[in-house]
Amino acid sequence: MINSIILGIVGAPEIIVILVVVLLLFGGKKIPELMKGFGQGIKEFKNGMNGTDEKKPEVKEEPKKN
């Protein structure tokens, strides 16, 4: 019941304002890196909850040449 009250408070306009603020703070180039890190954190959390501690070797990306 409490979750539905909280979700009722945060509507579309509030979400749009939050997204604009995040875009202004971090810029368009940094957001994909932040989301990648966020996704990896969630994946590690789920693996920890399931009891699997398997880690894949990280693939290092080559620096982009400009």
N, C-alpha and C. Protein backbone atom coordinates (compact mmCIF):
# COMPACT_ATOMS: atom_id res chain seq x y z
N MET A 1 0.82 -1.18 0.00
CA MET A 1 0.00 0.00 0.00
C MET A 1 0.87 1.26 0.00
N ILE A 2 1.92 1.22 0.76
CA ILE A 2 2.81 2.39 0.83
C ILE A 2 3.49 2.60 -0.52
N ASN A 3 3.85 1.50 -1.20
CA ASN A 3 4.50 1.63 -2.51
C ASN A 3 3.59 2.33 -3.51
N SER A 4 2.30 2.04 -3.48
CA SER A 4 1.39 2.68 -4.42
C SER A 4 1.24 4.16 -4.11
N ILE A 5 1.35 4.55 -2.86
CA ILE A 5 1.29 5.97 -2.50
C ILE A 5 2.52 6.70 -3.01
N ILE A 6 3.69 6.08 -2.83
CA ILE A 6 4.93 6.70 -3.30
C ILE A 6 4.92 6.81 -4.81
N LEU A 7 4.50 5.77 -5.51
CA LEU A 7 4.45 5.81 -6.96
C LEU A 7 3.43 6.84 -7.46
N GLY A 8 2.41 7.08 -6.69
CA GLY A 8 1.43 8.08 -7.06
C GLY A 8 1.97 9.49 -6.96
N ILE A 9 2.93 9.71 -6.09
CA ILE A 9 3.53 11.03 -5.92
C ILE A 9 4.45 11.37 -7.07
N VAL A 10 5.22 10.38 -7.55
CA VAL A 10 6.18 10.61 -8.63
C VAL A 10 5.49 10.34 -9.95
N GLY A 11 5.21 11.41 -10.68
CA GLY A 11 4.54 11.28 -11.96
C GLY A 11 5.49 11.57 -13.11
N ALA A 12 4.93 11.66 -14.29
CA ALA A 12 5.72 11.90 -15.51
C ALA A 12 6.48 13.23 -15.45
N PRO A 13 5.86 14.33 -15.02
CA PRO A 13 6.62 15.60 -14.98
C PRO A 13 7.83 15.54 -14.05
N GLU A 14 7.68 14.87 -12.91
CA GLU A 14 8.79 14.77 -11.97
C GLU A 14 9.92 13.95 -12.56
N ILE A 15 9.58 12.85 -13.23
CA ILE A 15 10.59 12.01 -13.85
C ILE A 15 11.34 12.78 -14.93
N ILE A 16 10.63 13.56 -15.72
CA ILE A 16 11.26 14.36 -16.77
C ILE A 16 12.22 15.38 -16.16
N VAL A 17 11.82 16.03 -15.09
CA VAL A 17 12.69 17.00 -14.43
C VAL A 17 13.95 16.32 -13.90
N ILE A 18 13.80 15.14 -13.31
CA ILE A 18 14.95 14.40 -12.79
C ILE A 18 15.90 14.04 -13.93
N LEU A 19 15.37 13.58 -15.05
CA LEU A 19 16.21 13.21 -16.20
C LEU A 19 16.95 14.42 -16.76
N VAL A 20 16.29 15.58 -16.81
CA VAL A 20 16.94 16.79 -17.31
C VAL A 20 18.07 17.21 -16.37
N VAL A 21 17.84 17.13 -15.08
CA VAL A 21 18.87 17.50 -14.11
C VAL A 21 20.08 16.56 -14.23
N VAL A 22 19.83 15.26 -14.37
CA VAL A 22 20.92 14.30 -14.54
C VAL A 22 21.69 14.60 -15.82
N LEU A 23 21.00 14.90 -16.89
CA LEU A 23 21.66 15.23 -18.15
C LEU A 23 22.52 16.48 -18.01
N LEU A 24 22.02 17.48 -17.32
CA LEU A 24 22.80 18.70 -17.13
C LEU A 24 24.01 18.49 -16.22
N LEU A 25 23.86 17.65 -15.21
CA LEU A 25 24.97 17.41 -14.28
C LEU A 25 26.10 16.58 -14.90
N PHE A 26 25.74 15.54 -15.62
CA PHE A 26 26.75 14.60 -16.09
C PHE A 26 27.08 14.75 -17.57
N GLY A 27 26.20 15.33 -18.35
CA GLY A 27 26.46 15.46 -19.78
C GLY A 27 26.10 14.20 -20.54
N GLY A 28 25.92 14.35 -21.82
CA GLY A 28 25.47 13.23 -22.65
C GLY A 28 26.50 12.15 -22.83
N LYS A 29 27.79 12.49 -22.75
CA LYS A 29 28.83 11.49 -22.98
C LYS A 29 29.07 10.61 -21.76
N LYS A 30 28.79 11.11 -20.59
CA LYS A 30 29.08 10.37 -19.36
C LYS A 30 27.93 9.44 -18.96
N ILE A 31 26.73 9.71 -19.40
CA ILE A 31 25.56 8.93 -18.97
C ILE A 31 25.66 7.45 -19.37
N PRO A 32 26.08 7.11 -20.61
CA PRO A 32 26.20 5.67 -20.92
C PRO A 32 27.19 4.94 -20.00
N GLU A 33 28.27 5.60 -19.62
CA GLU A 33 29.23 4.98 -18.71
C GLU A 33 28.60 4.77 -17.34
N LEU A 34 27.82 5.74 -16.88
CA LEU A 34 27.16 5.60 -15.59
C LEU A 34 26.14 4.46 -15.61
N MET A 35 25.39 4.35 -16.69
CA MET A 35 24.38 3.29 -16.80
C MET A 35 25.04 1.92 -16.88
N LYS A 36 26.19 1.83 -17.56
CA LYS A 36 26.91 0.57 -17.65
C LYS A 36 27.36 0.13 -16.25
N GLY A 37 27.90 1.06 -15.49
CA GLY A 37 28.33 0.76 -14.13
C GLY A 37 27.16 0.38 -13.25
N PHE A 38 26.04 1.07 -13.43
CA PHE A 38 24.83 0.77 -12.65
C PHE A 38 24.33 -0.64 -12.97
N GLY A 39 24.34 -0.99 -14.25
CA GLY A 39 23.90 -2.32 -14.67
C GLY A 39 24.80 -3.42 -14.13
N GLN A 40 26.11 -3.17 -14.15
CA GLN A 40 27.03 -4.16 -13.61
C GLN A 40 26.84 -4.32 -12.10
N GLY A 41 26.56 -3.22 -11.43
CA GLY A 41 26.29 -3.30 -9.99
C GLY A 41 25.06 -4.12 -9.67
N ILE A 42 24.01 -3.92 -10.44
CA ILE A 42 22.78 -4.69 -10.24
C ILE A 42 23.04 -6.17 -10.52
N LYS A 43 23.81 -6.46 -11.58
CA LYS A 43 24.11 -7.85 -11.94
C LYS A 43 24.90 -8.52 -10.82
N GLU A 44 25.90 -7.83 -10.27
CA GLU A 44 26.67 -8.38 -9.17
C GLU A 44 25.81 -8.59 -7.93
N PHE A 45 24.90 -7.67 -7.68
CA PHE A 45 23.99 -7.81 -6.54
C PHE A 45 23.10 -9.04 -6.70
N LYS A 46 22.54 -9.23 -7.89
CA LYS A 46 21.69 -10.40 -8.14
C LYS A 46 22.48 -11.69 -8.01
N ASN A 47 23.71 -11.69 -8.55
CA ASN A 47 24.55 -12.88 -8.42
C ASN A 47 24.87 -13.16 -6.96
N GLY A 48 25.09 -12.13 -6.18
CA GLY A 48 25.34 -12.31 -4.76
C GLY A 48 24.12 -12.85 -4.03
N MET A 49 22.95 -12.41 -4.42
CA MET A 49 21.71 -12.89 -3.79
C MET A 49 21.47 -14.36 -4.14
N ASN A 50 21.84 -14.76 -5.37
CA ASN A 50 21.65 -16.15 -5.80
C ASN A 50 22.76 -17.07 -5.30
N GLY A 51 23.83 -16.50 -4.81
CA GLY A 51 24.93 -17.30 -4.30
C GLY A 51 25.94 -17.67 -5.36
N THR A 52 25.85 -17.11 -6.54
CA THR A 52 26.84 -17.40 -7.58
C THR A 52 27.89 -16.31 -7.56
N ASP A 53 29.12 -16.74 -7.43
CA ASP A 53 30.23 -15.79 -7.39
C ASP A 53 31.10 -15.88 -8.65
N GLU A 54 30.52 -16.38 -9.73
CA GLU A 54 31.27 -16.51 -10.96
C GLU A 54 31.55 -15.13 -11.54
N LYS A 55 32.79 -14.94 -11.93
CA LYS A 55 33.15 -13.68 -12.58
C LYS A 55 33.74 -13.99 -13.93
N LYS A 56 33.26 -13.32 -14.93
CA LYS A 56 33.82 -13.47 -16.26
C LYS A 56 35.03 -12.56 -16.37
N PRO A 57 36.03 -12.98 -17.13
CA PRO A 57 37.18 -12.09 -17.30
C PRO A 57 36.76 -10.82 -18.03
N GLU A 58 37.24 -9.71 -17.51
CA GLU A 58 36.86 -8.44 -18.11
C GLU A 58 37.63 -8.23 -19.40
N VAL A 59 36.92 -7.76 -20.41
CA VAL A 59 37.55 -7.47 -21.69
C VAL A 59 37.88 -5.99 -21.70
N LYS A 60 39.16 -5.70 -21.84
CA LYS A 60 39.58 -4.31 -21.87
C LYS A 60 39.42 -3.76 -23.27
N GLU A 61 38.80 -2.61 -23.36
CA GLU A 61 38.61 -1.98 -24.65
C GLU A 61 39.86 -1.20 -25.03
N GLU A 62 40.17 -1.24 -26.31
CA GLU A 62 41.31 -0.47 -26.79
C GLU A 62 40.93 0.99 -26.84
N PRO A 63 41.86 1.89 -26.54
CA PRO A 63 41.54 3.31 -26.61
C PRO A 63 41.17 3.72 -28.02
N LYS A 64 40.17 4.56 -28.11
CA LYS A 64 39.73 5.03 -29.43
C LYS A 64 40.72 6.06 -29.96
N LYS A 65 41.01 5.94 -31.23
CA LYS A 65 41.91 6.90 -31.86
C LYS A 65 41.11 8.01 -32.47
N ASN A 66 41.43 9.22 -32.14
CA ASN A 66 40.70 10.38 -32.67
C ASN A 66 41.41 10.96 -33.85
